[in-house]
Amino acid sequence: MLWLALMCAGAHAWAGQVAGTVMQLSGPLMARKADGKVKILAIKSEVEQGDTLLTEKETYALIKLIDNSEITLKPNTSFVIEQFSYVAEQPDGDHAIFSLLKGGLRSVTGLLGKRNKERFEMKTPAATIGIRGTTFVASYVTPSAPPVPTVPLPGGGARAPGLYVQVLDGLIHVTNPGGTQNFAAGQFGFTPSFQQPPVILPANPGIPFTPPPAFSASPLSSTGAASGKPAAIDCVVR
């Protein structure tokens, strides 16, 4: 019983550790906490391990993590920070495990991914993405009730369900029980499910990623983002 109590206490402490800060927003962003509570976040709000981040249909959200990596969420996205641990003096403690449940994002590698790239995992319902010092875009299209194409359509339009990736810089590897495929800068990839291996696509399948122009500018100084508590007040939805 004592062992179980210690394990529960440890899990609770792990879930509340700060992972990063909201740097830019173009609409509503919510965080479902590990205890089930939901918070409405603002610029300078902190995000924690165990949070599920949810964007609305018009929302782009740029999250800067504590190792200076960045995750920019697209509209209609559900993204989980399963584990994120980084201490500059303790590389053995590095861990970055995320889950993209639906929607899309752009990921820019930070210090953790540069020194311990094998400890970065971006899980999706179709495959797991690993990095080699990278900027990439990932988009997961959920299965829908109406019939959809069985292959991705170049140039946009309705796309088949599955995971789409685009590498802007560096290298990623996409893995599932069907196989593993590496993707280099300028390449696009697709896998429809956990059972089918990822493949390189000959052309852009139409992965829209158009955050507001302000996202390209320096949103907040790194000093301001890292010092003290966030200035914005989070609203708790009960």
C-alpha atoms as a PDB file:
ATOM      1  CA  MET A   1       0.000   0.000   0.000  1.00  0.00           C
ATOM      2  CA  LEU A   2       2.854   2.378   0.801  1.00  0.00           C
ATOM      3  CA  TRP A   3       4.451   1.583  -2.570  1.00  0.00           C
ATOM      4  CA  LEU A   4       1.158   2.327  -4.351  1.00  0.00           C
ATOM      5  CA  ALA A   5       0.771   5.623  -2.490  1.00  0.00           C
ATOM      6  CA  LEU A   6       4.293   6.677  -3.424  1.00  0.00           C
ATOM      7  CA  MET A   7       3.703   5.771  -7.063  1.00  0.00           C
ATOM      8  CA  CYS A   8       0.473   7.801  -7.166  1.00  0.00           C
ATOM      9  CA  ALA A   9       2.169  10.773  -5.535  1.00  0.00           C
ATOM     10  CA  GLY A  10       5.022  10.573  -8.028  1.00  0.00           C
ATOM     11  CA  ALA A  11       2.651  10.407 -10.993  1.00  0.00           C
ATOM     12  CA  HIS A  12       0.727  13.430  -9.709  1.00  0.00           C
ATOM     13  CA  ALA A  13       3.940  15.447  -9.322  1.00  0.00           C
ATOM     14  CA  TRP A  14       5.090  14.433 -12.798  1.00  0.00           C
ATOM     15  CA  ALA A  15       1.836  15.568 -14.399  1.00  0.00           C
ATOM     16  CA  GLY A  16       2.118  19.097 -12.998  1.00  0.00           C
ATOM     17  CA  GLN A  17       5.655  19.932 -14.149  1.00  0.00           C
ATOM     18  CA  VAL A  18       5.917  22.983 -16.395  1.00  0.00           C
ATOM     19  CA  ALA A  19       6.842  22.053 -19.981  1.00  0.00           C
ATOM     20  CA  GLY A  20       6.580  25.388 -21.764  1.00  0.00           C
ATOM     21  CA  THR A  21       4.812  28.690 -22.380  1.00  0.00           C
ATOM     22  CA  VAL A  22       2.191  29.921 -24.855  1.00  0.00           C
ATOM     23  CA  MET A  23       3.968  32.530 -27.001  1.00  0.00           C
ATOM     24  CA  GLN A  24       1.429  33.310 -29.751  1.00  0.00           C
ATOM     25  CA  LEU A  25      -2.310  32.781 -30.208  1.00  0.00           C
ATOM     26  CA  SER A  26      -4.832  33.560 -32.925  1.00  0.00           C
ATOM     27  CA  GLY A  27      -7.947  32.267 -31.133  1.00  0.00           C
ATOM     28  CA  PRO A  28      -9.160  30.132 -28.207  1.00  0.00           C
ATOM     29  CA  LEU A  29      -6.781  27.534 -26.769  1.00  0.00           C
ATOM     30  CA  MET A  30      -7.781  25.132 -23.991  1.00  0.00           C
ATOM     31  CA  ALA A  31      -5.796  22.755 -21.824  1.00  0.00           C
ATOM     32  CA  ARG A  32      -7.434  19.684 -20.330  1.00  0.00           C
ATOM     33  CA  LYS A  33      -5.401  18.960 -17.214  1.00  0.00           C
ATOM     34  CA  ALA A  34      -4.476  15.522 -15.900  1.00  0.00           C
ATOM     35  CA  ASP A  35      -7.187  15.838 -13.220  1.00  0.00           C
ATOM     36  CA  GLY A  36      -9.877  16.524 -15.847  1.00  0.00           C
ATOM     37  CA  LYS A  37     -10.201  20.274 -15.303  1.00  0.00           C
ATOM     38  CA  VAL A  38     -10.159  22.490 -18.385  1.00  0.00           C
ATOM     39  CA  LYS A  39      -8.353  25.845 -18.555  1.00  0.00           C
ATOM     40  CA  ILE A  40      -8.635  28.548 -21.186  1.00  0.00           C
ATOM     41  CA  LEU A  41      -5.079  29.648 -21.935  1.00  0.00           C
ATOM     42  CA  ALA A  42      -3.674  33.006 -23.008  1.00  0.00           C
ATOM     43  CA  ILE A  43      -0.311  34.331 -24.161  1.00  0.00           C
ATOM     44  CA  LYS A  44       2.264  33.712 -21.391  1.00  0.00           C
ATOM     45  CA  SER A  45       0.200  30.861 -19.907  1.00  0.00           C
ATOM     46  CA  GLU A  46       2.263  27.856 -18.860  1.00  0.00           C
ATOM     47  CA  VAL A  47       1.570  24.359 -20.185  1.00  0.00           C
ATOM     48  CA  GLU A  48       2.393  21.265 -18.169  1.00  0.00           C
ATOM     49  CA  GLN A  49       3.188  17.612 -18.598  1.00  0.00           C
ATOM     50  CA  GLY A  50      -0.074  15.710 -18.802  1.00  0.00           C
ATOM     51  CA  ASP A  51      -1.910  18.562 -20.566  1.00  0.00           C
ATOM     52  CA  THR A  52      -4.075  17.917 -23.611  1.00  0.00           C
ATOM     53  CA  LEU A  53      -4.051  21.104 -25.703  1.00  0.00           C
ATOM     54  CA  LEU A  54      -7.124  21.784 -27.835  1.00  0.00           C
ATOM     55  CA  THR A  55      -7.346  24.459 -30.547  1.00  0.00           C
ATOM     56  CA  GLU A  56     -10.575  25.836 -32.049  1.00  0.00           C
ATOM     57  CA  LYS A  57     -11.342  26.055 -35.785  1.00  0.00           C
ATOM     58  CA  GLU A  58      -9.579  29.431 -36.227  1.00  0.00           C
ATOM     59  CA  THR A  59      -6.780  28.930 -33.697  1.00  0.00           C
ATOM     60  CA  TYR A  60      -3.072  28.690 -34.292  1.00  0.00           C
ATOM     61  CA  ALA A  61      -1.011  28.422 -31.084  1.00  0.00           C
ATOM     62  CA  LEU A  62       2.757  28.626 -30.720  1.00  0.00           C
ATOM     63  CA  ILE A  63       4.153  26.848 -27.653  1.00  0.00           C
ATOM     64  CA  LYS A  64       7.783  27.392 -26.671  1.00  0.00           C
ATOM     65  CA  LEU A  65       9.092  24.531 -24.545  1.00  0.00           C
ATOM     66  CA  ILE A  66      11.695  24.888 -21.822  1.00  0.00           C
ATOM     67  CA  ASP A  67      14.522  23.648 -24.097  1.00  0.00           C
ATOM     68  CA  ASN A  68      13.704  26.402 -26.669  1.00  0.00           C
ATOM     69  CA  SER A  69      11.970  23.975 -29.021  1.00  0.00           C
ATOM     70  CA  GLU A  70       8.696  25.131 -30.561  1.00  0.00           C
ATOM     71  CA  ILE A  71       5.400  23.445 -31.350  1.00  0.00           C
ATOM     72  CA  THR A  72       2.912  25.407 -33.450  1.00  0.00           C
ATOM     73  CA  LEU A  73      -0.568  23.869 -33.364  1.00  0.00           C
ATOM     74  CA  LYS A  74      -2.978  24.189 -36.282  1.00  0.00           C
ATOM     75  CA  PRO A  75      -6.746  24.768 -35.940  1.00  0.00           C
ATOM     76  CA  ASN A  76      -8.901  21.813 -34.802  1.00  0.00           C
ATOM     77  CA  THR A  77      -5.960  20.040 -33.202  1.00  0.00           C
ATOM     78  CA  SER A  78      -5.762  17.793 -30.150  1.00  0.00           C
ATOM     79  CA  PHE A  79      -2.210  17.444 -28.810  1.00  0.00           C
ATOM     80  CA  VAL A  80      -0.953  15.771 -25.620  1.00  0.00           C
ATOM     81  CA  ILE A  81       2.250  16.609 -23.743  1.00  0.00           C
ATOM     82  CA  GLU A  82       2.719  13.135 -22.310  1.00  0.00           C
ATOM     83  CA  GLN A  83       6.193  13.778 -20.927  1.00  0.00           C
ATOM     84  CA  PHE A  84       8.664  16.615 -21.257  1.00  0.00           C
ATOM     85  CA  SER A  85      11.710  16.783 -19.037  1.00  0.00           C
ATOM     86  CA  TYR A  86      14.765  18.956 -19.707  1.00  0.00           C
ATOM     87  CA  VAL A  87      17.472  20.236 -17.353  1.00  0.00           C
ATOM     88  CA  ALA A  88      20.520  21.842 -18.962  1.00  0.00           C
ATOM     89  CA  GLU A  89      22.967  20.160 -16.574  1.00  0.00           C
ATOM     90  CA  GLN A  90      21.298  16.735 -16.618  1.00  0.00           C
ATOM     91  CA  PRO A  91      21.139  15.304 -20.158  1.00  0.00           C
ATOM     92  CA  ASP A  92      20.453  11.807 -18.808  1.00  0.00           C
ATOM     93  CA  GLY A  93      17.029  13.012 -17.674  1.00  0.00           C
ATOM     94  CA  ASP A  94      15.890  14.196 -21.123  1.00  0.00           C
ATOM     95  CA  HIS A  95      12.495  12.914 -22.285  1.00  0.00           C
ATOM     96  CA  ALA A  96      10.069  14.287 -24.862  1.00  0.00           C
ATOM     97  CA  ILE A  97       6.958  12.237 -25.604  1.00  0.00           C
ATOM     98  CA  PHE A  98       3.978  13.833 -27.359  1.00  0.00           C
ATOM     99  CA  SER A  99       0.774  12.558 -28.964  1.00  0.00           C
ATOM    100  CA  LEU A 100      -0.954  14.159 -31.941  1.00  0.00           C
ATOM    101  CA  LEU A 101      -4.503  12.794 -31.723  1.00  0.00           C
ATOM    102  CA  LYS A 102      -5.959  14.866 -34.569  1.00  0.00           C
ATOM    103  CA  GLY A 103      -5.177  17.973 -36.560  1.00  0.00           C
ATOM    104  CA  GLY A 104      -1.679  19.177 -37.280  1.00  0.00           C
ATOM    105  CA  LEU A 105       1.431  20.971 -36.091  1.00  0.00           C
ATOM    106  CA  ARG A 106       4.887  22.225 -36.942  1.00  0.00           C
ATOM    107  CA  SER A 107       7.754  21.111 -34.703  1.00  0.00           C
ATOM    108  CA  VAL A 108      11.115  22.889 -34.428  1.00  0.00           C
ATOM    109  CA  THR A 109      13.808  20.948 -32.580  1.00  0.00           C
ATOM    110  CA  GLY A 110      15.330  22.517 -29.467  1.00  0.00           C
ATOM    111  CA  LEU A 111      18.253  21.693 -27.212  1.00  0.00           C
ATOM    112  CA  LEU A 112      16.830  18.357 -26.035  1.00  0.00           C
ATOM    113  CA  GLY A 113      16.415  17.053 -29.572  1.00  0.00           C
ATOM    114  CA  LYS A 114      19.876  18.192 -30.557  1.00  0.00           C
ATOM    115  CA  ARG A 115      21.705  16.402 -27.746  1.00  0.00           C
ATOM    116  CA  ASN A 116      19.349  13.415 -27.197  1.00  0.00           C
ATOM    117  CA  LYS A 117      17.394  13.032 -30.425  1.00  0.00           C
ATOM    118  CA  GLU A 118      16.592   9.376 -29.672  1.00  0.00           C
ATOM    119  CA  ARG A 119      14.521  10.509 -26.670  1.00  0.00           C
ATOM    120  CA  PHE A 120      12.016  12.452 -28.779  1.00  0.00           C
ATOM    121  CA  GLU A 121       8.772  10.721 -29.816  1.00  0.00           C
ATOM    122  CA  MET A 122       5.767  12.208 -31.575  1.00  0.00           C
ATOM    123  CA  LYS A 123       3.059   9.543 -31.435  1.00  0.00           C
ATOM    124  CA  THR A 124       0.013   9.544 -33.718  1.00  0.00           C
ATOM    125  CA  PRO A 125      -2.783   7.003 -34.357  1.00  0.00           C
ATOM    126  CA  ALA A 126      -0.945   5.834 -37.503  1.00  0.00           C
ATOM    127  CA  ALA A 127       2.775   5.946 -36.635  1.00  0.00           C
ATOM    128  CA  THR A 128       5.454   7.392 -34.360  1.00  0.00           C
ATOM    129  CA  ILE A 129       7.755  10.170 -35.568  1.00  0.00           C
ATOM    130  CA  GLY A 130      11.381  10.377 -34.466  1.00  0.00           C
ATOM    131  CA  ILE A 131      13.814  13.168 -35.292  1.00  0.00           C
ATOM    132  CA  ARG A 132      17.396  13.815 -36.360  1.00  0.00           C
ATOM    133  CA  GLY A 133      17.543  17.546 -35.567  1.00  0.00           C
ATOM    134  CA  THR A 134      14.589  18.752 -37.505  1.00  0.00           C
ATOM    135  CA  THR A 135      11.819  21.122 -38.512  1.00  0.00           C
ATOM    136  CA  PHE A 136       8.795  19.195 -39.749  1.00  0.00           C
ATOM    137  CA  VAL A 137       5.052  19.464 -40.269  1.00  0.00           C
ATOM    138  CA  ALA A 138       2.714  16.614 -39.288  1.00  0.00           C
ATOM    139  CA  SER A 139      -1.000  16.342 -40.018  1.00  0.00           C
ATOM    140  CA  TYR A 140      -3.304  13.527 -38.948  1.00  0.00           C
ATOM    141  CA  VAL A 141      -6.620  13.211 -40.815  1.00  0.00           C
ATOM    142  CA  THR A 142      -9.122  11.223 -38.757  1.00  0.00           C
ATOM    143  CA  PRO A 143     -11.362   8.616 -40.414  1.00  0.00           C
ATOM    144  CA  SER A 144     -14.703  10.098 -41.469  1.00  0.00           C
ATOM    145  CA  ALA A 145     -18.120   8.607 -42.097  1.00  0.00           C
ATOM    146  CA  PRO A 146     -18.512   9.669 -45.778  1.00  0.00           C
ATOM    147  CA  PRO A 147     -16.424   7.832 -48.377  1.00  0.00           C
ATOM    148  CA  VAL A 148     -12.990   9.387 -48.927  1.00  0.00           C
ATOM    149  CA  PRO A 149     -10.165   8.717 -51.419  1.00  0.00           C
ATOM    150  CA  THR A 150      -7.995   5.735 -50.603  1.00  0.00           C
ATOM    151  CA  VAL A 151      -4.847   7.564 -51.718  1.00  0.00           C
ATOM    152  CA  PRO A 152      -3.702  11.099 -50.884  1.00  0.00           C
ATOM    153  CA  LEU A 153      -4.653  13.766 -53.400  1.00  0.00           C
ATOM    154  CA  PRO A 154      -1.857  16.092 -54.563  1.00  0.00           C
ATOM    155  CA  GLY A 155      -2.592  19.791 -54.430  1.00  0.00           C
ATOM    156  CA  GLY A 156      -5.157  19.685 -51.621  1.00  0.00           C
ATOM    157  CA  GLY A 157      -8.839  18.777 -51.654  1.00  0.00           C
ATOM    158  CA  ALA A 158     -10.229  15.866 -49.685  1.00  0.00           C
ATOM    159  CA  ARG A 159      -7.436  13.750 -48.291  1.00  0.00           C
ATOM    160  CA  ALA A 160      -7.506  10.126 -47.217  1.00  0.00           C
ATOM    161  CA  PRO A 161      -7.371   9.491 -43.466  1.00  0.00           C
ATOM    162  CA  GLY A 162      -3.915   8.922 -42.081  1.00  0.00           C
ATOM    163  CA  LEU A 163      -0.675  10.645 -41.143  1.00  0.00           C
ATOM    164  CA  TYR A 164       0.972  13.144 -43.490  1.00  0.00           C
ATOM    165  CA  VAL A 165       4.447  14.566 -42.908  1.00  0.00           C
ATOM    166  CA  GLN A 166       6.565  17.251 -44.534  1.00  0.00           C
ATOM    167  CA  VAL A 167      10.234  17.808 -43.636  1.00  0.00           C
ATOM    168  CA  LEU A 168      11.446  21.394 -43.847  1.00  0.00           C
ATOM    169  CA  ASP A 169      14.898  20.823 -42.386  1.00  0.00           C
ATOM    170  CA  GLY A 170      16.904  17.841 -41.180  1.00  0.00           C
ATOM    171  CA  LEU A 171      15.601  14.274 -41.140  1.00  0.00           C
ATOM    172  CA  ILE A 172      12.753  12.341 -39.508  1.00  0.00           C
ATOM    173  CA  HIS A 173      11.907   8.664 -39.345  1.00  0.00           C
ATOM    174  CA  VAL A 174       8.307   7.449 -39.272  1.00  0.00           C
ATOM    175  CA  THR A 175       7.729   4.024 -37.731  1.00  0.00           C
ATOM    176  CA  ASN A 176       4.800   1.660 -37.200  1.00  0.00           C
ATOM    177  CA  PRO A 177       4.369  -2.144 -37.172  1.00  0.00           C
ATOM    178  CA  GLY A 178       4.226  -2.040 -40.978  1.00  0.00           C
ATOM    179  CA  GLY A 179       7.723  -0.612 -41.322  1.00  0.00           C
ATOM    180  CA  THR A 180      10.007   2.419 -41.037  1.00  0.00           C
ATOM    181  CA  GLN A 181      10.751   5.144 -43.560  1.00  0.00           C
ATOM    182  CA  ASN A 182      13.188   8.052 -43.389  1.00  0.00           C
ATOM    183  CA  PHE A 183      12.212  11.439 -44.806  1.00  0.00           C
ATOM    184  CA  ALA A 184      14.713  14.189 -45.629  1.00  0.00           C
ATOM    185  CA  ALA A 185      14.285  17.929 -46.146  1.00  0.00           C
ATOM    186  CA  GLY A 186      11.879  18.664 -49.009  1.00  0.00           C
ATOM    187  CA  GLN A 187      10.160  15.262 -48.856  1.00  0.00           C
ATOM    188  CA  PHE A 188       6.545  14.400 -48.060  1.00  0.00           C
ATOM    189  CA  GLY A 189       5.224  11.178 -46.535  1.00  0.00           C
ATOM    190  CA  PHE A 190       2.019   9.319 -45.786  1.00  0.00           C
ATOM    191  CA  THR A 191       0.741   6.276 -43.938  1.00  0.00           C
ATOM    192  CA  PRO A 192      -2.977   5.498 -43.578  1.00  0.00           C
ATOM    193  CA  SER A 193      -2.790   3.300 -40.494  1.00  0.00           C
ATOM    194  CA  PHE A 194      -0.619   1.417 -38.027  1.00  0.00           C
ATOM    195  CA  GLN A 195      -0.720  -1.662 -40.266  1.00  0.00           C
ATOM    196  CA  GLN A 196       0.647  -0.052 -43.448  1.00  0.00           C
ATOM    197  CA  PRO A 197       4.239   1.164 -43.860  1.00  0.00           C
ATOM    198  CA  PRO A 198       4.968   4.861 -44.396  1.00  0.00           C
ATOM    199  CA  VAL A 199       5.765   5.856 -47.997  1.00  0.00           C
ATOM    200  CA  ILE A 200       7.390   8.840 -49.706  1.00  0.00           C
ATOM    201  CA  LEU A 201       4.921  10.884 -51.762  1.00  0.00           C
ATOM    202  CA  PRO A 202       5.983  12.237 -55.161  1.00  0.00           C
ATOM    203  CA  ALA A 203       4.333  15.629 -54.569  1.00  0.00           C
ATOM    204  CA  ASN A 204       2.891  17.848 -51.863  1.00  0.00           C
ATOM    205  CA  PRO A 205      -0.417  16.216 -50.816  1.00  0.00           C
ATOM    206  CA  GLY A 206      -1.767  19.571 -49.684  1.00  0.00           C
ATOM    207  CA  ILE A 207      -0.829  20.038 -46.039  1.00  0.00           C
ATOM    208  CA  PRO A 208      -2.024  23.568 -45.236  1.00  0.00           C
ATOM    209  CA  PHE A 209       0.026  25.417 -42.647  1.00  0.00           C
ATOM    210  CA  THR A 210      -0.591  29.165 -42.727  1.00  0.00           C
ATOM    211  CA  PRO A 211      -0.274  30.731 -39.265  1.00  0.00           C
ATOM    212  CA  PRO A 212      -0.837  34.494 -39.003  1.00  0.00           C
ATOM    213  CA  PRO A 213       2.118  36.652 -40.164  1.00  0.00           C
ATOM    214  CA  ALA A 214       2.744  37.734 -36.564  1.00  0.00           C
ATOM    215  CA  PHE A 215       3.865  34.163 -35.788  1.00  0.00           C
ATOM    216  CA  SER A 216       6.934  34.696 -37.974  1.00  0.00           C
ATOM    217  CA  ALA A 217       8.050  37.638 -35.851  1.00  0.00           C
ATOM    218  CA  SER A 218       9.708  37.298 -32.464  1.00  0.00           C
ATOM    219  CA  PRO A 219       6.606  36.981 -30.269  1.00  0.00           C
ATOM    220  CA  LEU A 220       8.097  37.580 -26.830  1.00  0.00           C
ATOM    221  CA  SER A 221      11.630  37.940 -25.610  1.00  0.00           C
ATOM    222  CA  SER A 222      13.054  34.698 -24.261  1.00  0.00           C
ATOM    223  CA  THR A 223      13.904  36.539 -21.058  1.00  0.00           C
ATOM    224  CA  GLY A 224      10.319  37.603 -20.519  1.00  0.00           C
ATOM    225  CA  ALA A 225       8.948  34.174 -21.289  1.00  0.00           C
ATOM    226  CA  ALA A 226      11.230  32.408 -18.850  1.00  0.00           C
ATOM    227  CA  SER A 227      11.117  34.760 -15.873  1.00  0.00           C
ATOM    228  CA  GLY A 228       8.510  34.603 -13.150  1.00  0.00           C
ATOM    229  CA  LYS A 229       4.939  33.438 -13.420  1.00  0.00           C
ATOM    230  CA  PRO A 230       2.825  34.119 -16.507  1.00  0.00           C
ATOM    231  CA  ALA A 231       1.260  37.558 -16.535  1.00  0.00           C
ATOM    232  CA  ALA A 232      -1.982  36.264 -18.060  1.00  0.00           C
ATOM    233  CA  ILE A 233      -4.601  34.705 -15.805  1.00  0.00           C
ATOM    234  CA  ASP A 234      -5.888  31.296 -16.876  1.00  0.00           C
ATOM    235  CA  CYS A 235      -9.613  30.690 -16.655  1.00  0.00           C
ATOM    236  CA  VAL A 236     -10.723  27.361 -15.237  1.00  0.00           C
ATOM    237  CA  VAL A 237     -13.776  25.770 -16.859  1.00  0.00           C
ATOM    238  CA  ARG A 238     -15.543  23.551 -14.340  1.00  0.00           C
END
